Amino acid sequence: MKKKEFSRLIEKTDDGSATLFVPQLDEHYHSTKGARTESQHIFVDTGLKACTAVSPQILEVGFGTGLNAWLTLEEAERSRREVCYTGVELYPLAWEAVEQLHYVDERWELFKRMHTSPWEKEVELTPYFTLRKMQGDINRLLKADSLLAEGDNTWKADLIYFDAFAPDKQPEMWSQELFDRLYVLLNDGGILTTYCAKGTVRRMLQTAGFVVERLPGPPGGKREILRGRKL
């Protein structure tokens, strides 16, 4: 996908929360069946709660609106688990666009700080949640062999949220090469979770080495989602 400016429209989803719609791609950032419901189910309930790491290191492919990160922050505080969260985004959203989604009523300043904090820098948002936002193409970032070198923990993760736009909208993000690299950086016992349950994606994950489960999708939403484990 060539770098260009896209227009984004705000749409309300079935659970009352909002999402962004990109007309040029005919694509939504979150499910129209429920933005918050989808994120909570796929990434927090199926991902973070299933992760056995005491202090999980999380990599999100597609930081987007920050909804996944915010729900993870809330769960980290509830469970008192120290989470180190890295979000990679090629096209960061301006705070003014995210602000209009009204994802947070209370703790508004903390949510704003999450979006306005500097990129390429670790920021402790709470005692249980440290954020590092990386701007760039995940494919290019992970092609540097030094990032995957033995003993280099820069990109090591216990949990990967794979939340790129759909394969037919952003095919370069759903390649065997990328899944192979994500498998390498994932710690043993780690998890990758994604909303996409296409057979081609499942087979690529299996080829990379993941043990893949097809799990029920979020209430009222997709019938199935995928979760891969590195044993």
Protein backbone atom coordinates (compact mmCIF):
# COMPACT_ATOMS: atom_id res chain seq x y z
CA MET A 1 0.00 0.00 0.00
CA LYS A 2 1.54 3.27 -1.12
CA LYS A 3 1.96 5.98 1.43
CA LYS A 4 -0.80 8.55 0.95
CA GLU A 5 -3.40 10.46 2.86
CA PHE A 6 -6.72 8.71 3.45
CA SER A 7 -9.97 10.25 4.54
CA ARG A 8 -11.57 8.67 7.61
CA LEU A 9 -15.20 8.80 8.63
CA ILE A 10 -16.58 8.05 12.10
CA GLU A 11 -19.25 5.34 12.27
CA LYS A 12 -21.09 3.96 15.28
CA THR A 13 -20.96 0.18 15.69
CA ASP A 14 -23.58 -2.21 17.06
CA ASP A 15 -22.30 -2.11 20.65
CA GLY A 16 -22.46 1.69 20.75
CA SER A 17 -18.71 2.28 20.39
CA ALA A 18 -17.29 4.01 17.31
CA THR A 19 -14.91 3.03 14.56
CA LEU A 20 -13.25 4.74 11.61
CA PHE A 21 -14.13 3.97 8.00
CA VAL A 22 -11.64 4.51 5.15
CA PRO A 23 -13.64 5.03 1.90
CA GLN A 24 -10.57 4.63 -0.35
CA LEU A 25 -10.04 1.10 1.01
CA ASP A 26 -13.68 0.33 1.79
CA GLU A 27 -12.37 -0.80 5.18
CA HIS A 28 -13.12 -0.21 8.87
CA TYR A 29 -10.55 -0.03 11.68
CA HIS A 30 -12.79 -2.19 13.88
CA SER A 31 -15.79 -4.43 13.41
CA THR A 32 -19.09 -2.71 12.68
CA LYS A 33 -20.66 -5.40 14.89
CA GLY A 34 -18.98 -3.83 17.90
CA ALA A 35 -15.59 -2.11 17.99
CA ARG A 36 -14.97 -2.42 21.71
CA THR A 37 -16.54 -5.90 21.92
CA GLU A 38 -14.29 -7.17 19.12
CA SER A 39 -11.08 -5.77 20.59
CA GLN A 40 -11.86 -7.04 24.08
CA HIS A 41 -12.69 -10.55 22.88
CA ILE A 42 -9.95 -11.14 20.31
CA PHE A 43 -6.98 -9.44 21.89
CA VAL A 44 -7.61 -9.20 25.64
CA ASP A 45 -9.81 -12.20 26.44
CA THR A 46 -8.34 -14.60 23.87
CA GLY A 47 -4.83 -13.17 23.93
CA LEU A 48 -3.69 -11.46 27.13
CA LYS A 49 -5.75 -13.60 29.51
CA ALA A 50 -4.40 -16.76 27.85
CA CYS A 51 -0.79 -15.57 28.00
CA THR A 52 1.16 -17.29 30.78
CA ALA A 53 4.00 -14.75 31.01
CA VAL A 54 4.14 -13.04 34.39
CA SER A 55 5.09 -9.69 32.84
CA PRO A 56 3.98 -9.95 29.20
CA GLN A 57 5.80 -8.23 26.39
CA ILE A 58 3.19 -7.44 23.74
CA LEU A 59 3.70 -6.51 20.09
CA GLU A 60 0.75 -5.04 18.22
CA VAL A 61 0.89 -5.02 14.43
CA GLY A 62 -1.32 -2.05 13.57
CA PHE A 63 -1.63 0.40 16.50
CA GLY A 64 -4.46 2.29 14.78
CA THR A 65 -6.91 3.96 17.13
CA GLY A 66 -5.14 2.66 20.23
CA LEU A 67 -8.27 0.81 21.38
CA ASN A 68 -6.44 -2.51 21.76
CA ALA A 69 -3.69 -0.83 23.76
CA TRP A 70 -6.16 0.96 26.03
CA LEU A 71 -8.16 -2.19 26.80
CA THR A 72 -4.88 -3.96 27.52
CA LEU A 73 -3.88 -1.18 29.91
CA GLU A 74 -7.19 -1.57 31.75
CA GLU A 75 -6.73 -5.35 32.04
CA ALA A 76 -3.10 -4.96 33.15
CA GLU A 77 -4.26 -2.79 36.03
CA ARG A 78 -7.11 -5.14 36.96
CA SER A 79 -4.82 -8.17 37.02
CA ARG A 80 -1.79 -6.25 38.36
CA ARG A 81 0.45 -7.61 35.62
CA GLU A 82 3.25 -5.39 34.34
CA VAL A 83 2.84 -5.14 30.58
CA CYS A 84 5.41 -3.77 28.15
CA TYR A 85 3.52 -2.87 24.97
CA THR A 86 5.01 -2.11 21.55
CA GLY A 87 2.67 -0.84 18.86
CA VAL A 88 3.82 -0.56 15.23
CA GLU A 89 1.93 1.77 12.91
CA LEU A 90 2.87 3.05 9.45
CA TYR A 91 0.14 5.70 9.29
CA PRO A 92 -0.37 7.18 12.78
CA LEU A 93 -3.69 8.87 13.48
CA ALA A 94 -3.75 12.43 14.70
CA TRP A 95 -5.00 12.88 18.25
CA GLU A 96 -7.82 15.08 16.91
CA ALA A 97 -9.19 12.09 14.95
CA VAL A 98 -8.94 9.64 17.85
CA GLU A 99 -10.44 12.14 20.31
CA GLN A 100 -13.71 12.17 18.36
CA LEU A 101 -14.20 8.42 18.89
CA HIS A 102 -14.91 8.99 22.61
CA TYR A 103 -13.46 5.66 23.71
CA VAL A 104 -12.76 6.97 27.21
CA ASP A 105 -14.97 9.02 29.53
CA GLU A 106 -12.87 8.89 32.67
CA ARG A 107 -9.05 9.07 32.67
CA TRP A 108 -9.23 11.13 29.50
CA GLU A 109 -5.84 12.73 30.11
CA LEU A 110 -4.17 9.31 30.35
CA PHE A 111 -5.76 8.20 27.08
CA LYS A 112 -4.58 11.43 25.45
CA ARG A 113 -1.08 10.90 26.79
CA MET A 114 -1.05 7.44 25.23
CA HIS A 115 -1.66 8.99 21.82
CA THR A 116 0.48 12.09 22.16
CA SER A 117 3.52 10.46 23.79
CA PRO A 118 6.67 10.50 21.65
CA TRP A 119 7.33 7.74 19.13
CA GLU A 120 10.34 5.41 19.37
CA LYS A 121 10.52 5.97 23.12
CA GLU A 122 9.38 3.90 26.11
CA VAL A 123 6.82 5.76 28.23
CA GLU A 124 5.47 4.48 31.55
CA LEU A 125 1.79 5.37 31.46
CA THR A 126 0.96 3.55 34.70
CA PRO A 127 2.94 1.29 37.06
CA TYR A 128 1.46 -1.66 35.11
CA PHE A 129 1.71 -0.41 31.53
CA THR A 130 4.73 0.80 29.56
CA LEU A 131 4.20 1.86 25.94
CA ARG A 132 6.57 2.11 23.02
CA LYS A 133 5.10 3.29 19.71
CA MET A 134 7.10 2.58 16.56
CA GLN A 135 6.26 4.35 13.32
CA GLY A 136 7.09 2.37 10.24
CA ASP A 137 6.41 -0.68 8.08
CA ILE A 138 6.67 -3.84 10.20
CA ASN A 139 7.98 -5.73 7.17
CA ARG A 140 10.94 -3.38 6.79
CA LEU A 141 11.56 -3.05 10.52
CA LEU A 142 11.88 -6.82 10.93
CA LYS A 143 14.09 -7.33 7.87
CA ALA A 144 17.10 -6.01 9.75
CA ASP A 145 18.82 -9.25 10.80
CA SER A 146 20.31 -7.60 13.88
CA LEU A 147 16.83 -7.16 15.34
CA LEU A 148 16.36 -10.91 15.39
CA ALA A 149 19.87 -11.77 16.55
CA GLU A 150 20.38 -14.20 19.41
CA GLY A 151 20.21 -12.37 22.73
CA ASP A 152 18.65 -9.20 21.28
CA ASN A 153 15.36 -8.57 23.11
CA THR A 154 14.37 -5.46 21.14
CA TRP A 155 11.51 -7.24 19.41
CA LYS A 156 11.01 -10.27 21.64
CA ALA A 157 7.35 -10.81 22.56
CA ASP A 158 5.17 -13.12 24.61
CA LEU A 159 2.03 -12.04 22.79
CA ILE A 160 1.35 -10.62 19.32
CA TYR A 161 -1.83 -8.77 18.40
CA PHE A 162 -2.06 -9.09 14.63
CA ASP A 163 -4.54 -6.38 13.67
CA ALA A 164 -3.61 -5.24 10.18
CA PHE A 165 -6.29 -4.35 7.64
CA ALA A 166 -7.86 -7.36 5.90
CA PRO A 167 -5.75 -9.44 3.47
CA ASP A 168 -7.65 -8.22 0.42
CA LYS A 169 -7.09 -4.59 1.48
CA GLN A 170 -3.48 -4.82 2.68
CA PRO A 171 -2.04 -8.05 1.20
CA GLU A 172 1.59 -7.11 1.94
CA MET A 173 0.82 -7.49 5.64
CA TRP A 174 -0.31 -11.11 5.29
CA SER A 175 2.75 -12.85 3.88
CA GLN A 176 4.54 -16.06 4.76
CA GLU A 177 7.77 -14.11 5.24
CA LEU A 178 6.23 -11.85 7.88
CA PHE A 179 4.62 -14.70 9.81
CA ASP A 180 7.95 -16.57 9.72
CA ARG A 181 9.69 -13.56 11.27
CA LEU A 182 6.99 -13.08 13.89
CA TYR A 183 7.34 -16.71 14.90
CA VAL A 184 11.09 -16.24 15.42
CA LEU A 185 10.72 -13.23 17.68
CA LEU A 186 7.96 -14.82 19.77
CA ASN A 187 9.16 -16.37 23.02
CA ASP A 188 8.50 -20.08 23.64
CA GLY A 189 4.93 -20.55 24.80
CA GLY A 190 3.96 -17.25 23.20
CA ILE A 191 0.71 -16.45 21.42
CA LEU A 192 -0.37 -14.69 18.24
CA THR A 193 -4.03 -13.78 17.96
CA THR A 194 -5.91 -12.27 15.00
CA TYR A 195 -9.44 -11.62 13.84
CA CYS A 196 -8.80 -13.17 10.42
CA ALA A 197 -9.76 -16.85 10.16
CA LYS A 198 -9.16 -17.34 6.43
CA GLY A 199 -7.77 -20.74 5.51
CA THR A 200 -4.81 -19.18 3.71
CA VAL A 201 -3.83 -17.28 6.87
CA ARG A 202 -4.24 -20.37 9.05
CA ARG A 203 -2.00 -22.37 6.73
CA MET A 204 0.68 -19.66 6.67
CA LEU A 205 0.73 -19.60 10.47
CA GLN A 206 1.06 -23.38 10.55
CA THR A 207 3.87 -23.27 7.98
CA ALA A 208 5.69 -20.72 10.16
CA GLY A 209 5.54 -23.21 13.05
CA PHE A 210 2.49 -22.10 15.03
CA VAL A 211 0.03 -24.57 16.51
CA VAL A 212 -3.19 -22.92 15.40
CA GLU A 213 -6.62 -22.98 17.02
CA ARG A 214 -9.87 -21.83 15.47
CA LEU A 215 -11.85 -20.18 18.26
CA PRO A 216 -15.32 -18.63 18.48
CA GLY A 217 -15.44 -15.01 17.39
CA PRO A 218 -16.81 -12.09 19.42
CA PRO A 219 -20.52 -11.99 20.34
CA GLY A 220 -22.53 -10.89 17.32
CA GLY A 221 -19.41 -10.67 15.16
CA LYS A 222 -17.18 -13.00 13.15
CA ARG A 223 -17.93 -16.70 13.55
CA GLU A 224 -14.28 -17.68 14.10
CA ILE A 225 -10.91 -16.14 14.92
CA LEU A 226 -7.40 -17.61 15.00
CA ARG A 227 -4.92 -18.07 17.82
CA GLY A 228 -1.45 -19.48 17.22
CA ARG A 229 0.97 -20.77 19.86
CA LYS A 230 4.71 -21.30 19.75
CA LEU A 231 5.35 -24.47 21.74
